[in-house]
Each structure stands twice: as structure tokens, then as C-alpha cells.
N, C-alpha and C. Protein backbone atom coordinates (compact mmCIF):
# COMPACT_ATOMS: atom_id res chain seq x y z
N MET A 1 -68.22 -23.92 -69.97
CA MET A 1 -68.21 -25.27 -69.46
C MET A 1 -68.92 -25.26 -68.11
N GLN A 2 -69.70 -26.30 -67.86
CA GLN A 2 -70.43 -26.39 -66.62
C GLN A 2 -70.29 -27.77 -66.01
N HIS A 3 -70.32 -27.83 -64.71
CA HIS A 3 -70.35 -29.10 -63.99
C HIS A 3 -71.39 -28.99 -62.89
N THR A 4 -72.29 -29.97 -62.84
CA THR A 4 -73.40 -29.91 -61.90
C THR A 4 -73.24 -30.97 -60.81
N PHE A 5 -73.49 -30.57 -59.59
CA PHE A 5 -73.51 -31.46 -58.44
C PHE A 5 -74.95 -31.55 -57.96
N GLU A 6 -75.46 -32.75 -57.81
CA GLU A 6 -76.83 -32.95 -57.32
C GLU A 6 -76.78 -33.33 -55.85
N PHE A 7 -77.64 -32.72 -55.07
CA PHE A 7 -77.77 -33.04 -53.66
C PHE A 7 -79.19 -33.54 -53.44
N GLY A 8 -79.44 -34.78 -53.87
CA GLY A 8 -80.79 -35.32 -53.80
C GLY A 8 -81.65 -34.71 -54.90
N VAL A 9 -82.94 -34.87 -54.77
CA VAL A 9 -83.88 -34.38 -55.78
C VAL A 9 -84.10 -32.88 -55.63
N TYR A 10 -83.80 -32.33 -54.48
CA TYR A 10 -84.28 -31.00 -54.16
C TYR A 10 -83.27 -29.87 -54.31
N THR A 11 -81.99 -30.17 -54.45
CA THR A 11 -80.99 -29.11 -54.53
C THR A 11 -79.91 -29.50 -55.54
N GLY A 12 -79.47 -28.51 -56.32
CA GLY A 12 -78.39 -28.73 -57.27
C GLY A 12 -77.50 -27.51 -57.33
N LEU A 13 -76.22 -27.72 -57.54
CA LEU A 13 -75.24 -26.65 -57.67
C LEU A 13 -74.50 -26.86 -58.98
N THR A 14 -74.50 -25.85 -59.82
CA THR A 14 -73.78 -25.90 -61.09
C THR A 14 -72.66 -24.87 -61.05
N LEU A 15 -71.44 -25.33 -61.27
CA LEU A 15 -70.29 -24.43 -61.38
C LEU A 15 -70.05 -24.17 -62.87
N MET A 16 -69.75 -22.94 -63.21
CA MET A 16 -69.57 -22.62 -64.62
C MET A 16 -68.39 -21.68 -64.83
N GLU A 17 -67.83 -21.78 -66.03
CA GLU A 17 -66.78 -20.85 -66.43
C GLU A 17 -66.94 -20.59 -67.92
N GLN A 18 -66.62 -19.39 -68.34
CA GLN A 18 -66.79 -18.99 -69.73
C GLN A 18 -65.47 -18.72 -70.44
N TRP A 19 -64.37 -18.91 -69.76
CA TRP A 19 -63.08 -18.56 -70.33
C TRP A 19 -62.67 -19.48 -71.48
N THR A 20 -62.92 -20.78 -71.35
CA THR A 20 -62.44 -21.71 -72.37
C THR A 20 -63.12 -21.52 -73.71
N GLU A 21 -64.26 -20.85 -73.75
CA GLU A 21 -64.91 -20.56 -75.03
C GLU A 21 -64.05 -19.66 -75.91
N TRP A 22 -63.17 -18.90 -75.32
CA TRP A 22 -62.37 -17.91 -76.04
C TRP A 22 -61.04 -18.47 -76.55
N PHE A 23 -60.67 -19.67 -76.11
CA PHE A 23 -59.41 -20.26 -76.56
C PHE A 23 -59.65 -21.14 -77.77
N PRO A 24 -58.68 -21.20 -78.68
CA PRO A 24 -58.84 -22.08 -79.85
C PRO A 24 -59.03 -23.54 -79.40
N SER A 25 -59.91 -24.24 -80.10
CA SER A 25 -60.14 -25.65 -79.77
C SER A 25 -60.53 -26.39 -81.03
N GLN A 26 -60.66 -27.72 -80.89
CA GLN A 26 -61.08 -28.52 -82.02
C GLN A 26 -62.54 -28.30 -82.35
N THR A 27 -63.30 -27.84 -81.40
CA THR A 27 -64.71 -27.54 -81.61
C THR A 27 -64.83 -26.09 -82.06
N ASP A 28 -65.50 -25.87 -83.17
CA ASP A 28 -65.68 -24.52 -83.67
C ASP A 28 -66.93 -23.93 -83.01
N TRP A 29 -66.72 -23.09 -82.00
CA TRP A 29 -67.84 -22.47 -81.31
C TRP A 29 -68.53 -21.50 -82.26
N HIS A 30 -69.85 -21.49 -82.23
CA HIS A 30 -70.62 -20.56 -83.06
C HIS A 30 -70.95 -19.29 -82.30
N TRP A 31 -70.69 -19.26 -81.01
CA TRP A 31 -70.89 -18.06 -80.21
C TRP A 31 -69.93 -18.12 -79.03
N ARG A 32 -69.68 -16.97 -78.48
CA ARG A 32 -68.85 -16.88 -77.28
C ARG A 32 -69.57 -15.95 -76.30
N THR A 33 -69.61 -16.36 -75.05
CA THR A 33 -70.31 -15.60 -74.01
C THR A 33 -69.31 -15.21 -72.94
N PHE A 34 -69.43 -13.99 -72.48
CA PHE A 34 -68.64 -13.57 -71.33
C PHE A 34 -69.48 -12.60 -70.51
N ASN A 35 -69.69 -12.94 -69.25
CA ASN A 35 -70.43 -12.07 -68.35
C ASN A 35 -69.46 -11.43 -67.37
N PRO A 36 -69.23 -10.12 -67.48
CA PRO A 36 -68.40 -9.48 -66.46
C PRO A 36 -69.11 -9.49 -65.11
N LEU A 37 -70.46 -9.34 -65.14
CA LEU A 37 -71.24 -9.42 -63.91
C LEU A 37 -72.67 -9.81 -64.27
N LYS A 38 -73.15 -10.87 -63.62
CA LYS A 38 -74.53 -11.30 -63.82
C LYS A 38 -75.06 -11.80 -62.49
N ILE A 39 -76.18 -11.25 -62.08
CA ILE A 39 -76.87 -11.70 -60.87
C ILE A 39 -78.32 -11.89 -61.27
N GLU A 40 -78.82 -13.10 -61.10
CA GLU A 40 -80.18 -13.41 -61.54
C GLU A 40 -80.88 -14.25 -60.48
N PHE A 41 -82.10 -13.90 -60.19
CA PHE A 41 -82.95 -14.66 -59.28
C PHE A 41 -84.15 -15.16 -60.06
N GLU A 42 -84.55 -16.39 -59.81
CA GLU A 42 -85.71 -16.96 -60.50
C GLU A 42 -86.58 -17.70 -59.49
N LEU A 43 -87.86 -17.45 -59.55
CA LEU A 43 -88.83 -18.16 -58.73
C LEU A 43 -89.70 -18.97 -59.69
N ASP A 44 -89.54 -20.28 -59.66
CA ASP A 44 -90.30 -21.18 -60.53
C ASP A 44 -91.41 -21.80 -59.71
N SER A 45 -92.53 -21.09 -59.61
CA SER A 45 -93.61 -21.53 -58.72
C SER A 45 -94.28 -22.80 -59.22
N SER A 46 -94.27 -23.06 -60.53
CA SER A 46 -94.90 -24.27 -61.05
C SER A 46 -94.17 -25.53 -60.58
N MET A 47 -92.85 -25.43 -60.40
CA MET A 47 -92.05 -26.56 -59.93
C MET A 47 -91.70 -26.45 -58.45
N GLY A 48 -91.99 -25.29 -57.85
CA GLY A 48 -91.67 -25.09 -56.43
C GLY A 48 -90.19 -24.88 -56.20
N ASP A 49 -89.50 -24.25 -57.17
CA ASP A 49 -88.05 -24.05 -57.08
C ASP A 49 -87.71 -22.57 -57.01
N ILE A 50 -86.56 -22.30 -56.42
CA ILE A 50 -85.97 -20.97 -56.45
C ILE A 50 -84.53 -21.14 -56.93
N GLU A 51 -84.07 -20.22 -57.75
CA GLU A 51 -82.74 -20.35 -58.34
C GLU A 51 -82.03 -19.00 -58.28
N ILE A 52 -80.73 -19.06 -58.05
CA ILE A 52 -79.89 -17.87 -58.09
C ILE A 52 -78.68 -18.19 -58.97
N GLN A 53 -78.37 -17.24 -59.86
CA GLN A 53 -77.17 -17.35 -60.71
C GLN A 53 -76.30 -16.14 -60.43
N ILE A 54 -75.03 -16.40 -60.18
CA ILE A 54 -74.08 -15.32 -59.98
C ILE A 54 -72.83 -15.64 -60.80
N VAL A 55 -72.46 -14.69 -61.67
CA VAL A 55 -71.27 -14.83 -62.50
C VAL A 55 -70.47 -13.54 -62.38
N VAL A 56 -69.18 -13.67 -62.07
CA VAL A 56 -68.28 -12.53 -61.97
C VAL A 56 -67.05 -12.85 -62.80
N LEU A 57 -66.78 -12.01 -63.78
CA LEU A 57 -65.62 -12.17 -64.67
C LEU A 57 -65.56 -13.57 -65.29
N GLY A 58 -66.69 -14.09 -65.72
CA GLY A 58 -66.74 -15.37 -66.42
C GLY A 58 -66.72 -16.60 -65.56
N LEU A 59 -66.69 -16.45 -64.24
CA LEU A 59 -66.73 -17.58 -63.31
C LEU A 59 -67.97 -17.43 -62.44
N GLY A 60 -68.70 -18.54 -62.26
CA GLY A 60 -69.90 -18.40 -61.47
C GLY A 60 -70.53 -19.71 -61.07
N PHE A 61 -71.73 -19.58 -60.53
CA PHE A 61 -72.46 -20.76 -60.09
C PHE A 61 -73.96 -20.52 -60.23
N ILE A 62 -74.69 -21.62 -60.29
CA ILE A 62 -76.14 -21.61 -60.27
C ILE A 62 -76.56 -22.53 -59.13
N LEU A 63 -77.35 -22.03 -58.23
CA LEU A 63 -77.86 -22.83 -57.11
C LEU A 63 -79.37 -22.89 -57.24
N ARG A 64 -79.91 -24.10 -57.30
CA ARG A 64 -81.35 -24.30 -57.44
C ARG A 64 -81.82 -25.16 -56.27
N CYS A 65 -82.84 -24.67 -55.56
CA CYS A 65 -83.37 -25.36 -54.39
C CYS A 65 -84.88 -25.48 -54.48
N LYS A 66 -85.40 -26.55 -53.92
CA LYS A 66 -86.84 -26.76 -53.85
C LYS A 66 -87.36 -26.11 -52.57
N TYR A 67 -88.35 -25.23 -52.71
CA TYR A 67 -88.97 -24.62 -51.54
C TYR A 67 -90.38 -25.16 -51.30
N ASN A 68 -90.97 -25.83 -52.30
CA ASN A 68 -92.32 -26.36 -52.16
C ASN A 68 -92.37 -27.75 -52.78
N LYS A 69 -92.25 -28.79 -51.97
CA LYS A 69 -92.26 -30.17 -52.47
C LYS A 69 -93.65 -30.61 -52.90
N ASP A 70 -94.66 -29.79 -52.62
CA ASP A 70 -96.03 -30.13 -52.98
C ASP A 70 -96.51 -29.40 -54.23
N ALA A 71 -95.62 -28.76 -54.98
CA ALA A 71 -96.01 -28.07 -56.22
C ALA A 71 -96.61 -29.10 -57.18
N GLU A 72 -97.70 -28.72 -57.81
CA GLU A 72 -98.48 -29.65 -58.63
C GLU A 72 -97.65 -30.25 -59.78
N MET A 73 -96.93 -29.41 -60.53
CA MET A 73 -96.16 -29.93 -61.66
C MET A 73 -95.04 -30.86 -61.19
N PHE A 74 -94.40 -30.52 -60.07
CA PHE A 74 -93.34 -31.37 -59.52
C PHE A 74 -93.90 -32.74 -59.15
N LYS A 75 -95.08 -32.75 -58.51
CA LYS A 75 -95.69 -34.02 -58.14
C LYS A 75 -96.06 -34.84 -59.37
N GLU A 76 -96.56 -34.18 -60.43
CA GLU A 76 -96.89 -34.89 -61.67
C GLU A 76 -95.66 -35.53 -62.29
N ILE A 77 -94.55 -34.79 -62.32
CA ILE A 77 -93.31 -35.33 -62.90
C ILE A 77 -92.78 -36.48 -62.05
N GLN A 78 -92.85 -36.35 -60.72
CA GLN A 78 -92.42 -37.44 -59.85
C GLN A 78 -93.26 -38.69 -60.09
N ASP A 79 -94.57 -38.51 -60.29
CA ASP A 79 -95.45 -39.65 -60.58
C ASP A 79 -95.08 -40.29 -61.92
N GLN A 80 -94.77 -39.47 -62.92
CA GLN A 80 -94.37 -40.01 -64.23
C GLN A 80 -93.06 -40.80 -64.11
N ILE A 81 -92.12 -40.29 -63.34
CA ILE A 81 -90.85 -40.99 -63.14
C ILE A 81 -91.10 -42.33 -62.45
N LYS A 82 -91.96 -42.33 -61.44
CA LYS A 82 -92.28 -43.57 -60.73
C LYS A 82 -92.93 -44.58 -61.69
N ASP A 83 -93.86 -44.12 -62.54
CA ASP A 83 -94.50 -45.01 -63.51
C ASP A 83 -93.49 -45.62 -64.48
N ILE A 84 -92.56 -44.80 -64.96
CA ILE A 84 -91.54 -45.29 -65.90
C ILE A 84 -90.64 -46.29 -65.21
N LYS A 85 -90.23 -46.01 -63.98
CA LYS A 85 -89.39 -46.96 -63.24
C LYS A 85 -90.13 -48.28 -63.01
N ASP A 86 -91.41 -48.19 -62.70
CA ASP A 86 -92.20 -49.41 -62.49
C ASP A 86 -92.28 -50.22 -63.78
N GLU A 87 -92.48 -49.55 -64.91
CA GLU A 87 -92.55 -50.24 -66.21
C GLU A 87 -91.22 -50.92 -66.55
N LEU A 88 -90.12 -50.25 -66.22
CA LEU A 88 -88.79 -50.78 -66.53
C LEU A 88 -88.25 -51.68 -65.44
N ASP A 89 -89.00 -51.79 -64.33
CA ASP A 89 -88.58 -52.59 -63.19
C ASP A 89 -87.24 -52.11 -62.61
N VAL A 90 -87.15 -50.79 -62.46
CA VAL A 90 -85.95 -50.15 -61.90
C VAL A 90 -86.25 -49.80 -60.44
N PRO A 91 -85.33 -50.15 -59.52
CA PRO A 91 -85.58 -49.83 -58.09
C PRO A 91 -85.56 -48.34 -57.82
């Protein structure tokens, strides 16, 4: 299970836990994941993002931050979002 908190366009924090996958539920899980220890760093230069994932005993977080607001793909996506909002007349 994951819950994400957004801090503007440039930063997001996702809290995660893997314990509930192991308990019986109405949903029949097709897989179960458990990370005793996971540390992962990702540099997404096309979007200008850096991400860190840390999971210890099935509890963890993912923190993603923008380090380059001028990354070409990020600017293209922002332009597409602006165009869609303009078409839909959304502020």
C-alpha cells in the first residue's frame, strides 16, 4: 500500500508498506513483495529528477525531487498540460 504527498510540481514523498499484502483480504493478490532492505537511487536526467527509495523490513519511502526545472522533456510535458488546460478552460 502506498500514499503519496505532493509538495508542488517539484517534490513528492510516497510512504509505503508491504505488510498488508501478506494478510488475507477480499482481494486475491497475485504476488506478494517483501523487502528486508532496499536502497535505490535514480537520476532521471530526461525529466530533471532525482529519486531515492529506502525500504527496511517492509516499511519505506520514496522521495522524488526536481533538480533541473529546465529539462527538455519536463518543459514539453508542462507545455502539453498548459495546452490541455487552455482547451478545457481550466485555471
